[in-house]
């Protein structure tokens, strides 16, 4: 069943770039949810043809609408492709993950139950080892639990919804923000103008957005024990752009900005977004 009967209509945005074998695992975990999202949007930062073909195959049997939002590969533009997916979303609540985040079957149900106006959500994730990731990518069926060998930070793999009210975590948008697992009301994202596209290359786009949302008076809520997910191992991204992106982030902190200049509004209805971006 979908979440719309017992909570907000959830648009699940999955960011990806040239790792179709990981994306296939993620899509399979979405299709196995006990409660389905309203729709899934693959936010593709310029992947090759093999990713497009994977999504097209999945669209034939996927249990909900599966949309491929793509733009040309001109470098790391995660902020831009997420904005394009947010603009294309038809739900009223956006849950975003990366294309290397495998979901527990109760993931969407947890977000549907946890969503609360006046707030945005930071989720956690369990980290998988290189060896365990290789087994999953090879097609081996592995039951992922806190006791599975090769899971780091095992507390994040514990599915225990009764503990959610007891966990507080960080309160603001500056610390321990991870864009690989977050959730927002879509209209809050539109008021903030989404991600700041002045940020290109890896780093700080998630903290910068979170800080603007907090500056606007939204509360950060941390979801740990019911929306469980597992982060596949991969090599670290290049940190070359971090210092430059940090300057954009610090401007938001200093000026207490609540909205960015170059954001999602350029892709909304009546603007110049090419229809070819959405497949």
C-alpha atoms as a PDB file:
ATOM      1  CA  UNK A   1       0.000   0.000   0.000  1.00  0.00           C
ATOM      2  CA  UNK A   2       1.085   3.627  -0.399  1.00  0.00           C
ATOM      3  CA  UNK A   3       1.692   6.141   2.357  1.00  0.00           C
ATOM      4  CA  UNK A   4      -1.012   8.505   1.177  1.00  0.00           C
ATOM      5  CA  UNK A   5      -3.726   6.806   3.263  1.00  0.00           C
ATOM      6  CA  UNK A   6      -1.845   7.171   6.554  1.00  0.00           C
ATOM      7  CA  UNK A   7       0.429  10.144   6.080  1.00  0.00           C
ATOM      8  CA  UNK A   8       1.793  12.580   3.513  1.00  0.00           C
ATOM      9  CA  UNK A   9       2.260  11.704  -0.135  1.00  0.00           C
ATOM     10  CA  UNK A  10       5.964  10.899  -0.186  1.00  0.00           C
ATOM     11  CA  UNK A  11       8.170  11.669  -3.149  1.00  0.00           C
ATOM     12  CA  UNK A  12      11.332   9.606  -2.694  1.00  0.00           C
ATOM     13  CA  UNK A  13      14.318  11.195  -4.472  1.00  0.00           C
ATOM     14  CA  UNK A  14      17.305   8.949  -5.168  1.00  0.00           C
ATOM     15  CA  UNK A  15      20.480  10.744  -6.291  1.00  0.00           C
ATOM     16  CA  UNK A  16      22.795   8.715  -8.518  1.00  0.00           C
ATOM     17  CA  UNK A  17      25.850   8.956 -10.742  1.00  0.00           C
ATOM     18  CA  UNK A  18      27.347   6.116 -12.813  1.00  0.00           C
ATOM     19  CA  UNK A  19      26.812   3.252 -10.370  1.00  0.00           C
ATOM     20  CA  UNK A  20      23.901   1.244 -11.817  1.00  0.00           C
ATOM     21  CA  UNK A  21      24.699  -1.932  -9.869  1.00  0.00           C
ATOM     22  CA  UNK A  22      24.226  -0.028  -6.607  1.00  0.00           C
ATOM     23  CA  UNK A  23      21.119   1.734  -7.920  1.00  0.00           C
ATOM     24  CA  UNK A  24      19.626  -1.639  -8.797  1.00  0.00           C
ATOM     25  CA  UNK A  25      19.972  -2.754  -5.165  1.00  0.00           C
ATOM     26  CA  UNK A  26      18.413   0.489  -3.967  1.00  0.00           C
ATOM     27  CA  UNK A  27      15.447   0.215  -6.337  1.00  0.00           C
ATOM     28  CA  UNK A  28      14.885  -3.389  -5.262  1.00  0.00           C
ATOM     29  CA  UNK A  29      14.801  -2.294  -1.613  1.00  0.00           C
ATOM     30  CA  UNK A  30      12.258   0.409  -2.483  1.00  0.00           C
ATOM     31  CA  UNK A  31      10.042  -2.063  -4.325  1.00  0.00           C
ATOM     32  CA  UNK A  32      10.092  -4.269  -1.190  1.00  0.00           C
ATOM     33  CA  UNK A  33       8.759  -1.565   1.150  1.00  0.00           C
ATOM     34  CA  UNK A  34       5.843  -2.494   3.384  1.00  0.00           C
ATOM     35  CA  UNK A  35       4.378   0.954   2.668  1.00  0.00           C
ATOM     36  CA  UNK A  36       5.200   2.411  -0.728  1.00  0.00           C
ATOM     37  CA  UNK A  37       6.058   6.037  -1.467  1.00  0.00           C
ATOM     38  CA  UNK A  38       3.711   7.956  -3.737  1.00  0.00           C
ATOM     39  CA  UNK A  39       6.475   8.112  -6.370  1.00  0.00           C
ATOM     40  CA  UNK A  40      10.215   7.634  -6.856  1.00  0.00           C
ATOM     41  CA  UNK A  41      12.416  10.083  -8.742  1.00  0.00           C
ATOM     42  CA  UNK A  42      15.946   9.094  -9.760  1.00  0.00           C
ATOM     43  CA  UNK A  43      17.984  12.322  -9.699  1.00  0.00           C
ATOM     44  CA  UNK A  44      20.748  11.467 -12.149  1.00  0.00           C
ATOM     45  CA  UNK A  45      23.766  13.786 -12.278  1.00  0.00           C
ATOM     46  CA  UNK A  46      24.700  12.823 -15.842  1.00  0.00           C
ATOM     47  CA  UNK A  47      25.168   9.052 -15.762  1.00  0.00           C
ATOM     48  CA  UNK A  48      25.930   7.008 -18.859  1.00  0.00           C
ATOM     49  CA  UNK A  49      23.425   5.061 -20.940  1.00  0.00           C
ATOM     50  CA  UNK A  50      23.578   1.961 -18.725  1.00  0.00           C
ATOM     51  CA  UNK A  51      21.882   3.817 -15.873  1.00  0.00           C
ATOM     52  CA  UNK A  52      19.148   5.054 -18.186  1.00  0.00           C
ATOM     53  CA  UNK A  53      18.568   1.503 -19.444  1.00  0.00           C
ATOM     54  CA  UNK A  54      18.380   0.186 -15.869  1.00  0.00           C
ATOM     55  CA  UNK A  55      15.726   2.734 -14.950  1.00  0.00           C
ATOM     56  CA  UNK A  56      13.737   2.024 -18.124  1.00  0.00           C
ATOM     57  CA  UNK A  57      13.714  -1.704 -17.331  1.00  0.00           C
ATOM     58  CA  UNK A  58      12.631  -1.036 -13.768  1.00  0.00           C
ATOM     59  CA  UNK A  59       9.838   1.285 -14.912  1.00  0.00           C
ATOM     60  CA  UNK A  60       8.100  -1.640 -16.633  1.00  0.00           C
ATOM     61  CA  UNK A  61       7.293  -3.430 -13.371  1.00  0.00           C
ATOM     62  CA  UNK A  62       7.904  -0.875 -10.593  1.00  0.00           C
ATOM     63  CA  UNK A  63       4.985  -0.706  -8.142  1.00  0.00           C
ATOM     64  CA  UNK A  64       4.738   3.121  -8.217  1.00  0.00           C
ATOM     65  CA  UNK A  65       5.658   5.867 -10.646  1.00  0.00           C
ATOM     66  CA  UNK A  66       9.420   5.796 -11.322  1.00  0.00           C
ATOM     67  CA  UNK A  67      10.734   8.978 -12.947  1.00  0.00           C
ATOM     68  CA  UNK A  68      14.221   9.504 -14.362  1.00  0.00           C
ATOM     69  CA  UNK A  69      15.400  13.113 -13.976  1.00  0.00           C
ATOM     70  CA  UNK A  70      18.702  13.554 -15.830  1.00  0.00           C
ATOM     71  CA  UNK A  71      21.023  16.304 -16.951  1.00  0.00           C
ATOM     72  CA  UNK A  72      24.279  16.364 -18.859  1.00  0.00           C
ATOM     73  CA  UNK A  73      27.488  15.475 -17.036  1.00  0.00           C
ATOM     74  CA  UNK A  74      29.437  18.721 -16.715  1.00  0.00           C
ATOM     75  CA  UNK A  75      30.927  17.954 -13.300  1.00  0.00           C
ATOM     76  CA  UNK A  76      29.555  17.284  -9.827  1.00  0.00           C
ATOM     77  CA  UNK A  77      26.215  19.153  -9.753  1.00  0.00           C
ATOM     78  CA  UNK A  78      24.292  17.356  -7.031  1.00  0.00           C
ATOM     79  CA  UNK A  79      22.542  20.542  -5.898  1.00  0.00           C
ATOM     80  CA  UNK A  80      21.202  21.177  -9.393  1.00  0.00           C
ATOM     81  CA  UNK A  81      19.937  17.657 -10.078  1.00  0.00           C
ATOM     82  CA  UNK A  82      18.229  17.471  -6.691  1.00  0.00           C
ATOM     83  CA  UNK A  83      16.536  20.802  -7.446  1.00  0.00           C
ATOM     84  CA  UNK A  84      15.305  19.421 -10.759  1.00  0.00           C
ATOM     85  CA  UNK A  85      13.891  16.365  -9.011  1.00  0.00           C
ATOM     86  CA  UNK A  86      12.220  18.522  -6.347  1.00  0.00           C
ATOM     87  CA  UNK A  87      10.637  20.606  -9.116  1.00  0.00           C
ATOM     88  CA  UNK A  88       9.361  17.453 -10.833  1.00  0.00           C
ATOM     89  CA  UNK A  89       8.022  15.896  -7.606  1.00  0.00           C
ATOM     90  CA  UNK A  90       4.236  15.657  -7.189  1.00  0.00           C
ATOM     91  CA  UNK A  91       4.123  14.634  -3.540  1.00  0.00           C
ATOM     92  CA  UNK A  92       3.871  16.977  -0.570  1.00  0.00           C
ATOM     93  CA  UNK A  93       6.746  15.418   1.398  1.00  0.00           C
ATOM     94  CA  UNK A  94      10.233  14.758   0.033  1.00  0.00           C
ATOM     95  CA  UNK A  95      12.448  11.992   1.389  1.00  0.00           C
ATOM     96  CA  UNK A  96      15.890  11.998  -0.200  1.00  0.00           C
ATOM     97  CA  UNK A  97      18.541   9.319  -0.240  1.00  0.00           C
ATOM     98  CA  UNK A  98      21.642   8.629  -2.293  1.00  0.00           C
ATOM     99  CA  UNK A  99      21.860   5.894  -4.884  1.00  0.00           C
ATOM    100  CA  UNK A 100      24.003   3.773  -2.567  1.00  0.00           C
ATOM    101  CA  UNK A 101      21.507   3.628   0.327  1.00  0.00           C
ATOM    102  CA  UNK A 102      19.684   0.291   0.695  1.00  0.00           C
ATOM    103  CA  UNK A 103      16.440   0.552   2.650  1.00  0.00           C
ATOM    104  CA  UNK A 104      14.973  -1.545   5.455  1.00  0.00           C
ATOM    105  CA  UNK A 105      11.410  -2.655   4.506  1.00  0.00           C
ATOM    106  CA  UNK A 106       9.943  -0.291   7.108  1.00  0.00           C
ATOM    107  CA  UNK A 107      11.799   2.806   5.876  1.00  0.00           C
ATOM    108  CA  UNK A 108       8.970   4.639   4.089  1.00  0.00           C
ATOM    109  CA  UNK A 109       6.399   3.719   6.734  1.00  0.00           C
ATOM    110  CA  UNK A 110       8.682   5.242   9.361  1.00  0.00           C
ATOM    111  CA  UNK A 111       8.985   8.520   7.483  1.00  0.00           C
ATOM    112  CA  UNK A 112       5.236   8.677   6.864  1.00  0.00           C
ATOM    113  CA  UNK A 113       4.599   8.286  10.595  1.00  0.00           C
ATOM    114  CA  UNK A 114       7.362  10.674  11.677  1.00  0.00           C
ATOM    115  CA  UNK A 115       6.576  13.612   9.353  1.00  0.00           C
ATOM    116  CA  UNK A 116       5.544  16.721  11.268  1.00  0.00           C
ATOM    117  CA  UNK A 117       4.872  20.235  10.073  1.00  0.00           C
ATOM    118  CA  UNK A 118       7.345  22.918  11.116  1.00  0.00           C
ATOM    119  CA  UNK A 119      10.340  20.608  10.871  1.00  0.00           C
ATOM    120  CA  UNK A 120      12.784  18.805   8.629  1.00  0.00           C
ATOM    121  CA  UNK A 121      14.325  15.403   9.338  1.00  0.00           C
ATOM    122  CA  UNK A 122      17.884  14.117   9.508  1.00  0.00           C
ATOM    123  CA  UNK A 123      18.106  10.345   9.272  1.00  0.00           C
ATOM    124  CA  UNK A 124      20.960   8.014  10.098  1.00  0.00           C
ATOM    125  CA  UNK A 125      22.528   5.129   8.176  1.00  0.00           C
ATOM    126  CA  UNK A 126      24.539   2.023   8.941  1.00  0.00           C
ATOM    127  CA  UNK A 127      27.857   1.736   7.117  1.00  0.00           C
ATOM    128  CA  UNK A 128      28.654  -1.478   5.264  1.00  0.00           C
ATOM    129  CA  UNK A 129      32.170  -2.790   4.837  1.00  0.00           C
ATOM    130  CA  UNK A 130      33.851  -3.153   1.468  1.00  0.00           C
ATOM    131  CA  UNK A 131      33.566  -6.956   1.667  1.00  0.00           C
ATOM    132  CA  UNK A 132      29.860  -6.963   2.564  1.00  0.00           C
ATOM    133  CA  UNK A 133      29.144  -4.420  -0.165  1.00  0.00           C
ATOM    134  CA  UNK A 134      30.897  -6.643  -2.705  1.00  0.00           C
ATOM    135  CA  UNK A 135      28.729  -9.591  -1.686  1.00  0.00           C
ATOM    136  CA  UNK A 136      25.538  -7.573  -2.154  1.00  0.00           C
ATOM    137  CA  UNK A 137      26.650  -6.199  -5.520  1.00  0.00           C
ATOM    138  CA  UNK A 138      27.472  -9.747  -6.647  1.00  0.00           C
ATOM    139  CA  UNK A 139      23.831 -10.689  -6.074  1.00  0.00           C
ATOM    140  CA  UNK A 140      24.240 -12.637  -2.850  1.00  0.00           C
ATOM    141  CA  UNK A 141      21.156 -12.601  -0.649  1.00  0.00           C
ATOM    142  CA  UNK A 142      22.244 -11.223   2.711  1.00  0.00           C
ATOM    143  CA  UNK A 143      19.932 -10.536   5.632  1.00  0.00           C
ATOM    144  CA  UNK A 144      20.967  -7.117   6.937  1.00  0.00           C
ATOM    145  CA  UNK A 145      20.560  -6.875  10.718  1.00  0.00           C
ATOM    146  CA  UNK A 146      22.641  -5.349  13.521  1.00  0.00           C
ATOM    147  CA  UNK A 147      24.304  -8.758  13.852  1.00  0.00           C
ATOM    148  CA  UNK A 148      25.363  -9.159  10.228  1.00  0.00           C
ATOM    149  CA  UNK A 149      29.128  -9.310   9.813  1.00  0.00           C
ATOM    150  CA  UNK A 150      30.508  -6.300   7.992  1.00  0.00           C
ATOM    151  CA  UNK A 151      28.150  -3.674   9.411  1.00  0.00           C
ATOM    152  CA  UNK A 152      29.846  -0.771  11.142  1.00  0.00           C
ATOM    153  CA  UNK A 153      28.098   1.575  13.644  1.00  0.00           C
ATOM    154  CA  UNK A 154      25.667  -1.247  14.403  1.00  0.00           C
ATOM    155  CA  UNK A 155      23.407   0.968  16.504  1.00  0.00           C
ATOM    156  CA  UNK A 156      22.197   2.579  13.281  1.00  0.00           C
ATOM    157  CA  UNK A 157      21.117  -0.843  11.989  1.00  0.00           C
ATOM    158  CA  UNK A 158      18.824  -1.440  14.977  1.00  0.00           C
ATOM    159  CA  UNK A 159      15.158  -1.418  13.979  1.00  0.00           C
ATOM    160  CA  UNK A 160      13.356  -0.428  17.187  1.00  0.00           C
ATOM    161  CA  UNK A 161      10.698   2.259  16.536  1.00  0.00           C
ATOM    162  CA  UNK A 162       9.806   2.394  20.225  1.00  0.00           C
ATOM    163  CA  UNK A 163      13.179   4.081  20.820  1.00  0.00           C
ATOM    164  CA  UNK A 164      12.614   6.936  18.344  1.00  0.00           C
ATOM    165  CA  UNK A 165      11.042   9.322  20.903  1.00  0.00           C
ATOM    166  CA  UNK A 166      14.054   8.855  23.178  1.00  0.00           C
ATOM    167  CA  UNK A 167      16.635   9.960  20.613  1.00  0.00           C
ATOM    168  CA  UNK A 168      17.298  13.675  20.270  1.00  0.00           C
ATOM    169  CA  UNK A 169      20.633  14.153  18.470  1.00  0.00           C
ATOM    170  CA  UNK A 170      21.832  17.462  17.038  1.00  0.00           C
ATOM    171  CA  UNK A 171      19.433  20.409  17.043  1.00  0.00           C
ATOM    172  CA  UNK A 172      20.726  22.702  14.288  1.00  0.00           C
ATOM    173  CA  UNK A 173      21.743  22.578  10.664  1.00  0.00           C
ATOM    174  CA  UNK A 174      25.487  23.002  11.062  1.00  0.00           C
ATOM    175  CA  UNK A 175      26.619  19.686  12.550  1.00  0.00           C
ATOM    176  CA  UNK A 176      26.327  16.071  11.443  1.00  0.00           C
ATOM    177  CA  UNK A 177      24.128  16.836   8.453  1.00  0.00           C
ATOM    178  CA  UNK A 178      24.154  14.121   5.806  1.00  0.00           C
ATOM    179  CA  UNK A 179      22.269  14.592   2.581  1.00  0.00           C
ATOM    180  CA  UNK A 180      22.237  10.844   1.916  1.00  0.00           C
ATOM    181  CA  UNK A 181      19.195  10.551   4.223  1.00  0.00           C
ATOM    182  CA  UNK A 182      17.014  13.603   4.866  1.00  0.00           C
ATOM    183  CA  UNK A 183      13.336  14.553   4.610  1.00  0.00           C
ATOM    184  CA  UNK A 184      11.412  17.806   4.135  1.00  0.00           C
ATOM    185  CA  UNK A 185       7.973  19.170   3.378  1.00  0.00           C
ATOM    186  CA  UNK A 186       8.149  20.155  -0.274  1.00  0.00           C
ATOM    187  CA  UNK A 187       6.610  23.588   0.300  1.00  0.00           C
ATOM    188  CA  UNK A 188       9.328  24.330   2.885  1.00  0.00           C
ATOM    189  CA  UNK A 189      11.936  23.469   0.242  1.00  0.00           C
ATOM    190  CA  UNK A 190      10.252  25.771  -2.261  1.00  0.00           C
ATOM    191  CA  UNK A 191      10.189  28.667   0.208  1.00  0.00           C
ATOM    192  CA  UNK A 192      13.925  28.151   0.825  1.00  0.00           C
ATOM    193  CA  UNK A 193      14.433  27.835  -2.973  1.00  0.00           C
ATOM    194  CA  UNK A 194      15.910  24.355  -2.606  1.00  0.00           C
ATOM    195  CA  UNK A 195      19.608  23.696  -2.906  1.00  0.00           C
ATOM    196  CA  UNK A 196      22.050  26.520  -3.613  1.00  0.00           C
ATOM    197  CA  UNK A 197      23.545  25.870  -7.044  1.00  0.00           C
ATOM    198  CA  UNK A 198      26.473  28.125  -6.213  1.00  0.00           C
ATOM    199  CA  UNK A 199      27.726  24.924  -4.563  1.00  0.00           C
ATOM    200  CA  UNK A 200      29.309  22.547  -7.063  1.00  0.00           C
ATOM    201  CA  UNK A 201      31.618  19.645  -6.321  1.00  0.00           C
ATOM    202  CA  UNK A 202      31.390  17.468  -3.227  1.00  0.00           C
ATOM    203  CA  UNK A 203      30.505  18.961   0.130  1.00  0.00           C
ATOM    204  CA  UNK A 204      28.389  21.397   2.166  1.00  0.00           C
ATOM    205  CA  UNK A 205      25.280  21.595  -0.030  1.00  0.00           C
ATOM    206  CA  UNK A 206      23.308  19.634   2.565  1.00  0.00           C
ATOM    207  CA  UNK A 207      24.524  21.626   5.602  1.00  0.00           C
ATOM    208  CA  UNK A 208      23.908  24.912   3.782  1.00  0.00           C
ATOM    209  CA  UNK A 209      20.298  23.999   2.992  1.00  0.00           C
ATOM    210  CA  UNK A 210      19.698  22.677   6.504  1.00  0.00           C
ATOM    211  CA  UNK A 211      21.009  25.915   8.000  1.00  0.00           C
ATOM    212  CA  UNK A 212      18.669  28.011   5.841  1.00  0.00           C
ATOM    213  CA  UNK A 213      15.726  25.876   6.962  1.00  0.00           C
ATOM    214  CA  UNK A 214      16.697  26.340  10.603  1.00  0.00           C
ATOM    215  CA  UNK A 215      17.164  30.087  10.032  1.00  0.00           C
ATOM    216  CA  UNK A 216      13.580  30.150   8.737  1.00  0.00           C
ATOM    217  CA  UNK A 217      12.358  28.709  12.035  1.00  0.00           C
ATOM    218  CA  UNK A 218      12.023  25.030  11.136  1.00  0.00           C
ATOM    219  CA  UNK A 219      13.063  22.530  13.788  1.00  0.00           C
ATOM    220  CA  UNK A 220      15.506  19.729  13.108  1.00  0.00           C
ATOM    221  CA  UNK A 221      14.193  16.313  14.129  1.00  0.00           C
ATOM    222  CA  UNK A 222      16.420  13.235  14.112  1.00  0.00           C
ATOM    223  CA  UNK A 223      15.109   9.840  13.025  1.00  0.00           C
ATOM    224  CA  UNK A 224      17.306   6.920  13.988  1.00  0.00           C
ATOM    225  CA  UNK A 225      15.684   3.638  14.937  1.00  0.00           C
ATOM    226  CA  UNK A 226      12.788   3.115  12.514  1.00  0.00           C
ATOM    227  CA  UNK A 227      13.919   4.511   9.133  1.00  0.00           C
ATOM    228  CA  UNK A 228      16.877   2.133   8.999  1.00  0.00           C
ATOM    229  CA  UNK A 229      19.065   2.086   5.897  1.00  0.00           C
ATOM    230  CA  UNK A 230      22.466   0.771   4.862  1.00  0.00           C
ATOM    231  CA  UNK A 231      25.194   2.737   3.096  1.00  0.00           C
ATOM    232  CA  UNK A 232      27.188   0.720   0.563  1.00  0.00           C
ATOM    233  CA  UNK A 233      30.954   1.112   0.803  1.00  0.00           C
ATOM    234  CA  UNK A 234      32.725   3.222  -1.808  1.00  0.00           C
ATOM    235  CA  UNK A 235      35.870   5.276  -2.110  1.00  0.00           C
ATOM    236  CA  UNK A 236      35.687   8.808  -0.781  1.00  0.00           C
ATOM    237  CA  UNK A 237      34.855  11.600  -3.201  1.00  0.00           C
ATOM    238  CA  UNK A 238      37.345  14.314  -4.053  1.00  0.00           C
ATOM    239  CA  UNK A 239      37.489  17.083  -1.450  1.00  0.00           C
ATOM    240  CA  UNK A 240      38.788  19.640  -3.965  1.00  0.00           C
ATOM    241  CA  UNK A 241      35.689  21.840  -3.799  1.00  0.00           C
ATOM    242  CA  UNK A 242      35.106  21.733  -0.045  1.00  0.00           C
ATOM    243  CA  UNK A 243      36.884  24.993   0.817  1.00  0.00           C
ATOM    244  CA  UNK A 244      35.059  26.922  -1.909  1.00  0.00           C
ATOM    245  CA  UNK A 245      31.707  25.427  -0.938  1.00  0.00           C
ATOM    246  CA  UNK A 246      32.393  26.133   2.728  1.00  0.00           C
ATOM    247  CA  UNK A 247      32.552  29.833   1.912  1.00  0.00           C
ATOM    248  CA  UNK A 248      29.004  29.672   0.526  1.00  0.00           C
ATOM    249  CA  UNK A 249      27.915  27.844   3.657  1.00  0.00           C
ATOM    250  CA  UNK A 250      29.566  30.413   5.953  1.00  0.00           C
ATOM    251  CA  UNK A 251      27.824  33.245   4.105  1.00  0.00           C
ATOM    252  CA  UNK A 252      24.509  31.593   4.951  1.00  0.00           C
ATOM    253  CA  UNK A 253      25.566  31.336   8.591  1.00  0.00           C
ATOM    254  CA  UNK A 254      26.791  34.941   8.800  1.00  0.00           C
ATOM    255  CA  UNK A 255      23.854  36.498   6.979  1.00  0.00           C
ATOM    256  CA  UNK A 256      21.265  34.123   8.480  1.00  0.00           C
ATOM    257  CA  UNK A 257      19.928  33.521   5.000  1.00  0.00           C
ATOM    258  CA  UNK A 258      16.626  31.696   4.576  1.00  0.00           C
ATOM    259  CA  UNK A 259      16.637  31.586   0.766  1.00  0.00           C
ATOM    260  CA  UNK A 260      19.273  31.159  -1.929  1.00  0.00           C
ATOM    261  CA  UNK A 261      19.478  33.027  -5.225  1.00  0.00           C
ATOM    262  CA  UNK A 262      20.148  30.152  -7.648  1.00  0.00           C
ATOM    263  CA  UNK A 263      17.783  27.416  -6.641  1.00  0.00           C
ATOM    264  CA  UNK A 264      14.764  25.313  -7.518  1.00  0.00           C
ATOM    265  CA  UNK A 265      12.573  28.188  -8.738  1.00  0.00           C
ATOM    266  CA  UNK A 266      14.290  28.180 -12.148  1.00  0.00           C
ATOM    267  CA  UNK A 267      12.844  24.695 -12.828  1.00  0.00           C
ATOM    268  CA  UNK A 268       9.275  25.235 -11.684  1.00  0.00           C
ATOM    269  CA  UNK A 269       6.249  25.481 -13.968  1.00  0.00           C
ATOM    270  CA  UNK A 270       6.457  28.281 -16.497  1.00  0.00           C
ATOM    271  CA  UNK A 271      10.258  28.369 -16.561  1.00  0.00           C
ATOM    272  CA  UNK A 272      12.735  27.007 -19.047  1.00  0.00           C
ATOM    273  CA  UNK A 273      13.372  23.460 -17.820  1.00  0.00           C
ATOM    274  CA  UNK A 274      13.799  21.244 -20.910  1.00  0.00           C
ATOM    275  CA  UNK A 275      11.216  18.463 -20.943  1.00  0.00           C
ATOM    276  CA  UNK A 276      14.006  16.065 -21.877  1.00  0.00           C
ATOM    277  CA  UNK A 277      15.290  16.257 -18.309  1.00  0.00           C
ATOM    278  CA  UNK A 278      12.379  14.086 -17.146  1.00  0.00           C
ATOM    279  CA  UNK A 279      12.110  10.590 -18.638  1.00  0.00           C
END
